[in-house]
Protein backbone atom coordinates (compact mmCIF):
# COMPACT_ATOMS: atom_id res chain seq x y z
CA MET A 1 -87.00 10.69 26.82
CA LEU A 2 -84.11 8.69 25.21
CA THR A 3 -80.82 10.51 24.48
CA ALA A 4 -77.93 8.87 22.27
CA PRO A 5 -75.42 8.02 24.40
CA ARG A 6 -71.51 9.09 23.42
CA GLY A 7 -69.34 6.25 21.62
CA ARG A 8 -70.02 3.08 19.81
CA ARG A 9 -70.24 0.83 22.89
CA GLY A 10 -73.14 3.75 23.78
CA TRP A 11 -75.08 2.89 20.89
CA THR A 12 -74.90 -0.78 21.36
CA ALA A 13 -76.41 -0.26 24.94
CA LEU A 14 -79.16 1.82 23.33
CA VAL A 15 -79.78 -0.77 20.71
CA VAL A 16 -80.21 -3.50 23.48
CA THR A 17 -82.30 -1.05 25.28
CA LEU A 18 -84.70 -0.25 22.55
CA LEU A 19 -85.00 -4.11 21.81
CA ALA A 20 -85.54 -5.06 25.17
CA LEU A 21 -88.32 -2.45 25.59
CA GLY A 22 -89.86 -3.91 22.06
CA ALA A 23 -90.04 -6.85 23.48
CA LEU A 24 -91.55 -5.82 26.58
CA VAL A 25 -94.31 -3.93 24.59
CA ALA A 26 -95.04 -6.64 22.24
CA ALA A 27 -95.20 -9.34 24.92
CA PRO A 28 -98.99 -10.88 25.14
CA SER A 29 -100.70 -10.51 28.60
CA GLN A 30 -104.37 -11.00 29.54
CA ALA A 31 -104.64 -7.30 29.54
CA GLN A 32 -103.90 -7.25 25.93
CA ASP A 33 -106.30 -10.21 24.87
CA SER A 34 -109.35 -8.61 26.66
CA ARG A 35 -109.05 -5.17 24.99
CA PRO A 36 -112.40 -4.33 23.50
CA ASP A 37 -111.15 -4.05 19.87
CA SER A 38 -109.91 -7.68 20.05
CA ALA A 39 -112.59 -9.27 22.20
CA PRO A 40 -114.90 -11.86 20.91
CA GLY A 41 -117.80 -10.47 19.49
CA SER A 42 -116.31 -6.85 19.03
CA SER A 43 -118.13 -4.30 17.05
CA VAL A 44 -114.84 -3.25 15.41
CA PRO A 45 -114.75 -4.23 11.86
CA GLU A 46 -112.54 -7.33 10.63
CA SER A 47 -110.50 -5.34 8.08
CA VAL A 48 -109.57 -2.91 11.26
CA VAL A 49 -108.78 -5.62 13.61
CA ALA A 50 -106.57 -7.16 10.79
CA ALA A 51 -104.86 -3.67 10.15
CA GLN A 52 -104.07 -3.19 13.75
CA ALA A 53 -102.42 -6.76 13.89
CA ALA A 54 -100.56 -6.05 11.15
CA VAL A 55 -98.75 -3.25 12.57
CA ARG A 56 -98.84 -4.61 16.11
CA PRO A 57 -95.24 -5.40 17.69
CA ARG A 58 -94.82 -8.98 17.95
CA PRO A 59 -92.65 -11.03 20.77
CA VAL A 60 -89.44 -11.56 19.71
CA THR A 61 -88.67 -15.18 20.06
CA SER A 62 -84.96 -15.48 19.18
CA LEU A 63 -82.46 -12.42 19.38
CA ASP A 64 -78.65 -12.82 18.57
CA PRO A 65 -76.65 -10.85 21.23
CA VAL A 66 -75.72 -7.38 20.08
CA GLY A 67 -72.17 -7.81 21.63
CA ILE A 68 -69.92 -10.82 22.53
CA PRO A 69 -67.50 -11.77 25.33
CA VAL A 70 -64.26 -10.14 24.34
CA GLN A 71 -62.17 -13.30 24.69
CA ARG A 72 -64.34 -14.37 21.65
CA GLY A 73 -63.81 -11.28 19.78
CA LEU A 74 -61.47 -11.18 16.62
CA ALA A 75 -57.58 -11.33 17.24
CA PRO A 76 -56.01 -8.35 15.84
CA ASP A 77 -53.06 -9.01 13.39
CA SER A 78 -50.01 -7.38 14.35
CA ALA A 79 -48.72 -5.92 11.03
CA ALA A 80 -52.09 -4.46 10.81
CA LEU A 81 -51.98 -2.62 14.12
CA ARG A 82 -48.56 -1.32 13.54
CA ALA A 83 -50.50 0.32 10.32
CA ALA A 84 -53.28 1.64 11.92
CA VAL A 85 -51.16 3.68 14.65
CA ARG A 86 -48.31 4.57 12.37
CA GLU A 87 -49.24 8.30 11.44
CA GLU A 88 -50.05 9.22 14.79
CA TRP A 89 -46.95 7.70 16.14
CA ALA A 90 -44.92 9.59 13.59
CA SER A 91 -46.17 12.74 15.40
CA ARG A 92 -43.22 15.34 16.12
CA TRP A 93 -45.33 16.37 19.11
CA LEU A 94 -44.47 12.86 20.57
CA GLY A 95 -40.67 13.97 21.29
CA ALA A 96 -37.65 12.15 19.99
CA PRO A 97 -37.97 8.33 19.01
CA SER A 98 -35.31 7.88 21.80
CA THR A 99 -37.71 9.34 24.43
CA ARG A 100 -41.15 7.33 23.50
CA SER A 101 -42.07 3.87 23.87
CA MET A 102 -45.28 1.51 23.36
CA THR A 103 -46.46 -1.98 23.62
CA VAL A 104 -49.73 -3.41 22.94
CA ARG A 105 -51.01 -7.17 24.05
CA ASP A 106 -53.78 -9.27 23.78
CA VAL A 107 -55.54 -9.97 27.04
CA THR A 108 -56.64 -13.54 26.01
CA THR A 109 -53.47 -14.91 24.45
CA GLY A 110 -51.11 -12.76 26.31
CA GLU A 111 -49.44 -12.26 22.86
CA HIS A 112 -47.56 -9.20 22.55
CA LEU A 113 -49.03 -7.41 19.34
CA MET A 114 -46.76 -4.43 19.31
CA ASN A 115 -43.54 -3.53 21.13
CA LEU A 116 -41.90 -0.14 20.11
CA ARG A 117 -38.99 -0.08 22.59
CA ALA A 118 -40.79 -1.71 25.28
CA ASP A 119 -37.97 -2.46 27.28
CA ASP A 120 -36.32 0.94 27.43
CA PRO A 121 -36.64 2.47 30.89
CA LEU A 122 -38.60 5.73 30.36
CA THR A 123 -40.26 8.01 32.65
CA PRO A 124 -43.87 6.75 33.27
CA ALA A 125 -45.42 9.41 35.21
CA SER A 126 -48.56 8.45 37.06
CA THR A 127 -48.75 5.21 35.08
CA VAL A 128 -46.52 4.14 38.21
CA LYS A 129 -49.76 4.04 40.10
CA LEU A 130 -50.90 0.95 38.39
CA LEU A 131 -47.94 -0.90 39.78
CA THR A 132 -48.15 0.32 43.27
CA ALA A 133 -52.25 -0.65 42.94
CA ALA A 134 -51.26 -4.06 42.22
CA ALA A 135 -48.81 -4.52 44.95
CA VAL A 136 -51.07 -2.75 47.68
CA MET A 137 -53.86 -5.29 46.43
CA SER A 138 -51.65 -8.41 46.76
CA ALA A 139 -50.98 -7.67 50.26
CA LEU A 140 -54.10 -6.30 51.83
CA ASP A 141 -57.49 -7.67 51.92
CA PRO A 142 -59.70 -5.76 49.20
CA ALA A 143 -62.48 -5.70 51.90
CA SER A 144 -60.39 -4.34 54.90
CA THR A 145 -60.79 -1.05 55.87
CA PHE A 146 -58.85 1.77 57.94
CA PRO A 147 -60.19 2.44 61.43
CA THR A 148 -60.05 5.91 63.36
CA THR A 149 -60.71 5.21 67.01
CA VAL A 150 -61.22 6.92 70.44
CA VAL A 151 -59.22 5.24 73.32
CA ALA A 152 -59.26 6.12 77.13
CA GLY A 153 -55.87 7.82 77.98
CA ASN A 154 -53.18 7.17 80.64
CA ARG A 155 -54.72 10.03 82.91
CA PRO A 156 -58.51 10.46 83.89
CA GLY A 157 -60.31 12.69 81.91
CA ASP A 158 -57.57 12.07 78.78
CA LEU A 159 -59.06 11.07 75.34
CA VAL A 160 -56.82 10.01 72.39
CA LEU A 161 -57.69 9.99 68.97
CA VAL A 162 -55.95 7.37 67.09
CA ALA A 163 -55.12 7.72 63.55
CA GLY A 164 -55.71 4.52 61.24
CA GLY A 165 -55.19 5.70 57.59
CA ASP A 166 -58.46 7.35 56.99
CA LEU A 167 -57.96 10.59 54.76
CA LEU A 168 -61.64 10.66 53.57
CA LEU A 169 -63.25 11.66 57.03
CA SER A 170 -66.39 13.50 57.27
CA PRO A 171 -66.44 16.24 59.91
CA GLY A 172 -70.21 15.51 60.46
CA ARG A 173 -71.73 12.40 60.27
CA GLY A 174 -70.61 9.46 58.19
CA ASN A 175 -72.41 8.31 54.95
CA PRO A 176 -72.43 4.63 54.62
CA GLU A 177 -73.31 4.50 50.86
CA THR A 178 -70.52 6.73 49.79
CA VAL A 179 -66.37 6.48 49.72
CA VAL A 180 -65.35 9.98 50.40
CA GLY A 181 -66.92 10.68 54.09
CA ARG A 182 -67.85 6.83 54.78
CA ALA A 183 -66.83 7.62 58.42
CA GLY A 184 -67.86 10.69 60.37
CA LEU A 185 -66.55 12.38 63.19
CA ALA A 186 -69.90 13.27 64.50
CA ASP A 187 -70.61 9.46 64.93
CA LEU A 188 -67.32 8.92 66.56
CA ALA A 189 -68.23 11.84 68.89
CA ALA A 190 -71.80 10.23 69.73
CA GLN A 191 -70.06 6.95 70.36
CA THR A 192 -67.43 8.54 72.80
CA LYS A 193 -70.20 10.27 74.64
CA ALA A 194 -72.23 7.27 75.26
CA ALA A 195 -69.13 5.47 76.55
CA LEU A 196 -67.98 8.28 78.73
CA ALA A 197 -71.58 7.97 80.16
CA ASP A 198 -71.68 4.55 80.86
CA SER A 199 -67.93 4.86 82.75
CA SER A 200 -69.73 7.83 84.76
CA ARG A 201 -66.84 9.90 83.66
CA SER A 202 -67.69 13.44 84.11
CA GLY A 203 -65.89 17.13 83.78
CA PRO A 204 -63.66 18.35 80.81
CA VAL A 205 -61.87 15.94 78.91
CA ARG A 206 -58.35 16.85 77.26
CA LEU A 207 -58.15 15.54 73.58
CA LEU A 208 -54.60 13.82 72.38
CA LEU A 209 -53.69 12.50 69.14
CA ASP A 210 -51.79 9.46 68.17
CA THR A 211 -50.29 9.75 64.75
CA ARG A 212 -47.74 7.01 65.14
CA TYR A 213 -49.53 4.19 62.81
CA ALA A 214 -47.21 3.81 59.46
CA ALA A 215 -45.42 7.04 60.47
CA GLY A 216 -43.17 8.71 58.17
CA SER A 217 -42.63 11.86 55.85
CA ASP A 218 -45.47 13.67 55.11
CA VAL A 219 -43.81 14.11 51.51
CA ALA A 220 -42.09 12.27 49.31
CA PRO A 221 -38.36 13.15 49.16
CA GLY A 222 -38.31 13.75 45.28
CA TRP A 223 -41.53 15.93 45.75
CA THR A 224 -40.70 19.75 45.23
CA ASP A 225 -42.07 22.57 47.02
CA PHE A 226 -43.95 23.63 44.03
CA TRP A 227 -45.99 20.07 43.93
CA VAL A 228 -47.11 20.60 47.21
CA ALA A 229 -47.66 24.30 47.65
CA ASN A 230 -49.70 24.41 44.71
CA GLY A 231 -52.06 21.12 45.54
CA TYR A 232 -50.73 18.85 42.93
CA ALA A 233 -49.67 16.86 45.84
CA GLY A 234 -51.26 16.51 49.43
CA ARG A 235 -49.52 15.30 52.67
CA VAL A 236 -48.75 11.90 53.37
CA THR A 237 -50.66 11.03 56.67
CA MET A 238 -52.59 8.61 57.99
CA LEU A 239 -55.59 10.97 59.20
CA GLY A 240 -57.27 13.53 57.62
CA LEU A 241 -60.64 15.01 56.46
CA ALA A 242 -61.91 14.56 52.94
CA GLN A 243 -62.52 18.35 52.55
CA ASP A 244 -58.53 18.77 52.86
CA ARG A 245 -57.50 16.46 49.90
CA ALA A 246 -55.00 18.55 47.85
CA LEU A 247 -56.31 19.97 44.44
CA PRO A 248 -54.70 21.93 42.03
CA GLY A 249 -54.60 25.33 43.35
CA ALA A 250 -55.96 24.26 46.64
CA PRO A 251 -53.20 22.60 48.60
CA SER A 252 -53.92 20.49 51.80
CA PRO A 253 -53.44 21.99 55.24
CA ALA A 254 -49.88 21.94 56.47
CA ASP A 255 -50.84 19.33 59.25
CA PRO A 256 -53.81 17.57 58.28
CA PRO A 257 -54.08 15.59 61.36
CA GLN A 258 -54.16 18.24 63.65
CA VAL A 259 -56.98 19.76 61.43
CA ALA A 260 -58.86 16.59 61.84
CA ALA A 261 -58.25 16.29 65.69
CA GLN A 262 -59.39 20.09 65.98
CA ALA A 263 -62.80 18.88 64.10
CA PHE A 264 -63.28 16.08 66.35
CA ALA A 265 -62.95 18.24 69.36
CA GLU A 266 -65.19 20.72 67.78
CA ALA A 267 -67.86 17.50 67.13
CA LEU A 268 -67.09 16.31 71.01
CA ARG A 269 -68.46 20.01 72.06
CA ARG A 270 -71.36 19.67 69.92
CA ALA A 271 -72.25 16.51 71.32
CA GLY A 272 -72.08 17.76 74.74
CA VAL A 273 -68.67 16.69 75.83
CA PRO A 274 -66.37 19.39 77.30
CA VAL A 275 -63.07 19.63 75.72
CA THR A 276 -60.29 21.79 76.82
CA SER A 277 -59.07 24.43 74.35
CA GLY A 278 -56.00 24.78 72.51
CA PRO A 279 -54.07 22.89 70.05
CA VAL A 280 -54.31 19.02 70.14
CA LYS A 281 -50.85 17.63 71.48
CA ARG A 282 -49.60 14.32 70.06
CA THR A 283 -48.89 11.65 72.24
CA GLU A 284 -45.85 9.33 72.36
CA SER A 285 -46.52 7.58 75.67
CA THR A 286 -49.89 6.51 75.53
CA ASP A 287 -50.24 2.71 75.23
CA THR A 288 -52.90 2.83 72.70
CA ALA A 289 -53.05 -0.68 71.36
CA GLY A 290 -54.29 -1.73 75.30
CA ALA A 291 -56.33 1.05 75.83
CA GLN A 292 -59.99 0.99 76.38
CA VAL A 293 -61.96 1.62 73.08
CA LEU A 294 -64.59 4.37 73.55
CA GLY A 295 -65.05 4.84 69.73
CA ARG A 296 -64.51 3.73 66.49
CA VAL A 297 -65.93 4.12 62.84
CA GLU A 298 -64.44 2.86 59.63
CA SER A 299 -63.54 4.07 56.17
CA ALA A 300 -64.92 2.46 53.09
CA PRO A 301 -63.04 -0.88 51.93
CA LEU A 302 -59.78 -0.76 50.50
CA ARG A 303 -60.68 -1.44 46.90
CA ASP A 304 -62.75 1.38 46.75
CA VAL A 305 -60.36 3.98 48.50
CA LEU A 306 -57.71 2.85 45.88
CA SER A 307 -60.18 2.85 42.78
CA LEU A 308 -60.99 6.52 43.98
CA ALA A 309 -57.01 7.48 44.21
CA LEU A 310 -56.34 6.03 40.78
CA ALA A 311 -59.41 7.69 39.18
CA THR A 312 -58.34 11.08 40.76
CA SER A 313 -54.67 10.32 40.20
CA ASP A 314 -54.47 11.43 43.98
CA ASN A 315 -50.63 11.29 44.71
CA ALA A 316 -50.88 11.47 48.51
CA MET A 317 -53.63 8.91 48.90
CA VAL A 318 -51.71 6.41 46.75
CA GLU A 319 -48.20 6.88 48.87
CA GLN A 320 -50.19 6.57 52.20
CA LEU A 321 -51.99 3.45 50.67
CA ALA A 322 -48.49 1.84 49.69
CA ARG A 323 -47.13 2.94 53.03
CA GLN A 324 -49.91 1.09 55.00
CA ALA A 325 -49.49 -2.32 53.12
CA ALA A 326 -45.81 -2.24 53.46
CA VAL A 327 -45.94 -1.60 57.12
CA ARG A 328 -48.59 -4.54 57.54
CA ASP A 329 -46.23 -6.68 55.32
CA GLY A 330 -43.58 -6.01 57.84
CA VAL A 331 -41.20 -4.06 55.52
CA GLY A 332 -41.16 -0.57 57.37
CA SER A 333 -42.28 2.86 56.18
CA GLY A 334 -39.33 4.46 54.80
CA GLN A 335 -39.54 5.48 51.11
CA GLY A 336 -37.03 3.54 49.58
CA VAL A 337 -37.99 0.38 51.52
CA VAL A 338 -41.56 0.82 50.27
CA ASN A 339 -40.61 1.90 46.77
CA SER A 340 -38.43 -1.58 46.68
CA TRP A 341 -41.17 -3.39 48.15
CA VAL A 342 -43.77 -2.53 45.23
CA LEU A 343 -41.25 -3.87 42.83
CA GLU A 344 -40.64 -7.19 44.65
CA ARG A 345 -44.71 -7.90 45.07
CA LEU A 346 -44.63 -7.44 41.34
CA GLU A 347 -42.02 -10.00 40.98
CA GLN A 348 -43.05 -12.40 43.65
CA ASP A 349 -46.86 -12.60 43.53
CA TYR A 350 -47.64 -11.51 39.81
CA GLY A 351 -44.30 -12.94 38.10
CA ILE A 352 -43.48 -9.63 36.58
CA ASP A 353 -39.84 -9.26 35.32
CA THR A 354 -39.35 -5.61 36.50
CA ARG A 355 -35.80 -5.39 35.14
CA GLY A 356 -34.74 -1.82 34.17
CA ALA A 357 -37.13 -0.46 36.46
CA ARG A 358 -36.84 1.79 39.40
CA LEU A 359 -38.90 3.71 41.35
CA ALA A 360 -38.20 7.39 43.25
CA ASP A 361 -41.69 7.10 44.60
CA THR A 362 -44.82 5.07 44.11
CA SER A 363 -47.09 7.71 42.82
CA GLY A 364 -45.13 8.69 39.72
CA LEU A 365 -44.63 12.31 40.73
CA SER A 366 -41.10 12.43 41.74
CA ASP A 367 -37.91 12.70 39.21
CA GLY A 368 -35.88 9.64 38.77
CA SER A 369 -38.51 7.00 38.27
CA ALA A 370 -37.78 4.78 35.24
CA VAL A 371 -39.99 2.18 33.81
CA PRO A 372 -40.26 0.13 30.98
CA VAL A 373 -43.83 0.01 29.61
CA ARG A 374 -43.46 -3.73 29.21
CA VAL A 375 -43.66 -3.77 33.20
CA VAL A 376 -46.53 -1.55 33.00
CA ALA A 377 -48.37 -3.78 30.35
CA ASP A 378 -47.39 -7.16 31.93
CA THR A 379 -49.16 -6.07 34.97
CA LEU A 380 -52.14 -4.91 33.18
CA VAL A 381 -52.50 -8.36 31.78
CA ALA A 382 -52.01 -10.07 35.10
CA GLY A 383 -55.10 -8.43 36.44
CA ALA A 384 -57.18 -8.16 33.10
CA GLN A 385 -56.92 -11.71 32.62
CA GLY A 386 -58.40 -12.35 36.13
CA ARG A 387 -55.54 -14.35 37.68
CA HIS A 388 -55.58 -11.80 40.29
CA PRO A 389 -59.39 -10.98 41.31
CA ALA A 390 -58.62 -8.38 43.87
CA TYR A 391 -56.30 -6.09 41.52
CA GLN A 392 -58.73 -6.77 38.65
CA SER A 393 -61.52 -5.15 40.64
CA VAL A 394 -59.47 -2.22 40.65
CA LEU A 395 -58.76 -2.20 37.11
CA GLY A 396 -62.30 -2.32 36.60
CA GLY A 397 -62.70 1.10 38.21
CA LEU A 398 -60.17 3.09 36.00
CA PRO A 399 -61.23 6.16 34.38
CA ILE A 400 -63.23 5.64 30.94
CA ALA A 401 -62.42 7.76 28.07
CA GLY A 402 -65.05 10.62 27.57
CA TYR A 403 -66.73 10.07 30.94
CA THR A 404 -65.08 9.63 34.38
CA GLY A 405 -62.16 10.39 36.16
CA THR A 406 -59.08 12.01 34.66
CA LEU A 407 -60.38 10.99 31.25
CA ASP A 408 -63.77 12.90 31.43
CA ASP A 409 -62.06 15.80 29.26
CA ARG A 410 -60.01 13.39 27.09
CA PHE A 411 -60.64 11.72 23.47
CA VAL A 412 -62.96 15.10 22.85
CA GLN A 413 -61.24 15.64 18.98
CA ASP A 414 -63.14 13.71 16.33
CA ARG A 415 -59.85 11.67 15.32
CA ALA A 416 -59.96 10.21 18.95
CA ALA A 417 -63.76 9.39 19.07
CA ALA A 418 -63.31 5.83 18.75
CA GLY A 419 -62.02 5.85 22.08
CA VAL A 420 -64.98 7.08 23.90
CA GLY A 421 -66.34 4.58 26.38
CA VAL A 422 -63.97 1.74 25.05
CA VAL A 423 -60.92 2.84 26.93
CA ARG A 424 -60.19 2.68 30.42
CA ALA A 425 -56.71 4.03 31.48
CA LYS A 426 -54.59 5.73 34.10
CA THR A 427 -53.22 8.96 32.62
CA GLY A 428 -49.45 10.09 33.40
CA SER A 429 -48.46 13.62 33.34
CA LEU A 430 -45.47 15.67 34.09
CA PRO A 431 -44.12 18.83 32.47
CA GLN A 432 -42.09 17.21 29.81
CA VAL A 433 -44.21 13.82 29.78
CA SER A 434 -47.26 12.26 28.82
CA ALA A 435 -48.10 8.57 29.12
CA LEU A 436 -51.34 6.37 29.19
CA ALA A 437 -51.72 2.79 29.92
CA GLY A 438 -55.08 0.55 30.20
CA THR A 439 -57.16 -1.61 28.13
CA ILE A 440 -59.25 -1.32 25.22
CA VAL A 441 -62.19 -3.16 23.32
CA THR A 442 -61.45 -2.85 19.58
CA ARG A 443 -64.23 -2.73 17.09
CA ASP A 444 -63.97 -6.53 16.65
CA ASP A 445 -64.79 -6.67 20.30
CA ARG A 446 -61.25 -7.95 21.58
CA LEU A 447 -59.76 -6.58 24.75
CA LEU A 448 -56.10 -5.48 24.61
CA VAL A 449 -53.99 -3.88 26.77
CA PHE A 450 -51.44 -1.27 26.08
CA ALA A 451 -49.25 1.20 27.70
CA VAL A 452 -47.51 4.52 26.06
CA THR A 453 -45.21 7.00 27.26
CA ALA A 454 -43.71 10.34 25.52
CA GLY A 455 -41.03 12.13 27.21
CA GLY A 456 -38.76 15.02 26.47
CA LEU A 457 -41.43 17.12 25.03
CA GLY A 458 -40.89 20.66 24.15
CA PRO A 459 -42.37 23.58 26.07
CA ASP A 460 -45.18 25.78 25.03
CA GLY A 461 -48.53 23.43 25.04
CA ALA A 462 -46.13 20.58 23.57
CA VAL A 463 -47.54 18.23 26.45
CA LEU A 464 -50.99 19.16 25.70
CA GLU A 465 -50.42 18.26 21.80
CA ALA A 466 -48.88 15.22 22.89
CA ARG A 467 -51.69 14.23 25.21
CA ALA A 468 -53.96 14.60 22.24
CA ASP A 469 -51.84 12.68 19.74
CA LEU A 470 -51.86 9.67 22.27
CA ASP A 471 -55.45 10.02 22.68
CA ALA A 472 -55.93 9.68 18.78
CA LEU A 473 -53.22 6.73 18.76
CA VAL A 474 -55.33 4.79 21.25
CA ALA A 475 -58.50 5.50 19.40
CA ASP A 476 -57.07 4.20 15.93
CA LEU A 477 -56.16 0.81 18.05
CA ALA A 478 -59.75 0.81 19.11
CA ALA A 479 -61.40 1.49 15.62
CA CYS A 480 -59.00 -0.98 13.75
CA GLY A 481 -60.92 -3.74 12.35
CA CYS A 482 -57.69 -5.71 12.20
């Protein structure tokens, strides 16, 4: 049974589907031509045959496309866009005029259609992650993966579990069809058992843990205890189980690598490899770079991991991906160094003017970040125009209004319905800040980029009211036949 999809684009898809189904049903075939009611010499009266032919579907010989490429959609008029959002922009829930800003750009031409204090550095919240994603994708191969390996230790009977940047490990078998749990500790244990058998080693083994890769603080300096203790941010580590990712109300363990190491020790035991009991000791002396590799599993590709981090607004995952990229780029793992590296990458690789931007972290959770919405929008345009295919592939995975990720419960009010299905965006939420940045396909089939932030919001549900107003404002852009 066909059900009506949500949103205008959903109805377009339904129309295309119905037309395609109609053409398929109507297409002539030998089976249709040889039916008894139409065969030569049939006893069916000619009047009945003629009546059937009159109502029978006919093949569609020419069909104008329902949709057109966004670069050929009608370009909007700047004044008309301003008029379309005037009422929502005047909402008292969006805070003082000095603490809000907005910009809208045409992706095809790059034209600035609307700039409302777009150069003012304001709190960006999690829209910072869009800048971080651009930097990461410019530094690393989007198809690269993060390995978790087991190597032989310096002493006979020692095994070393080496962290390689995967926070999404499965404690059991991996699933090659997924991003979460692509690599499995049970598979790693099986490989290790086979390697030990081939080397004729026997007896209990001692498991050690190497977490030296991209080592650094497990929390960003600006994160409060509240964020971590309540699961709004996890530990920034280079090894962890997928089930230990932080969620609001469900914080990550204090030491995710130790939990993962204990899970691997148990996987070894289940595979038939005896392991000494007790906490897994970290090693600083084993030369794991040149050691014999006994097992290795790989994460999902970077592009998929980063898309997941953006879709779920995972603060720890974004921070650790930024750190890995900065380390591989040779600049180090300190928070300040990584923050500066993100802005430098935007300037050097994307040609973005980052004046006025300062980052307290790369996820947007810490106090102290200030970014003009122009910088966010310019970065989005660079990706949406296709000049940076790796970054564009990540933008294609941004949450869809009313459907996925952090937008699955947004644009639910009638006044925001025009945005459902046609807005892809990154959310940003802090106690007194609400932000949104992404792309829109307008009613005239034109692709626009937007970035908006509202700060200094009041208490008692003001953030929720502001969020609803931002949804309605962006929906007005989508609905505008301008």
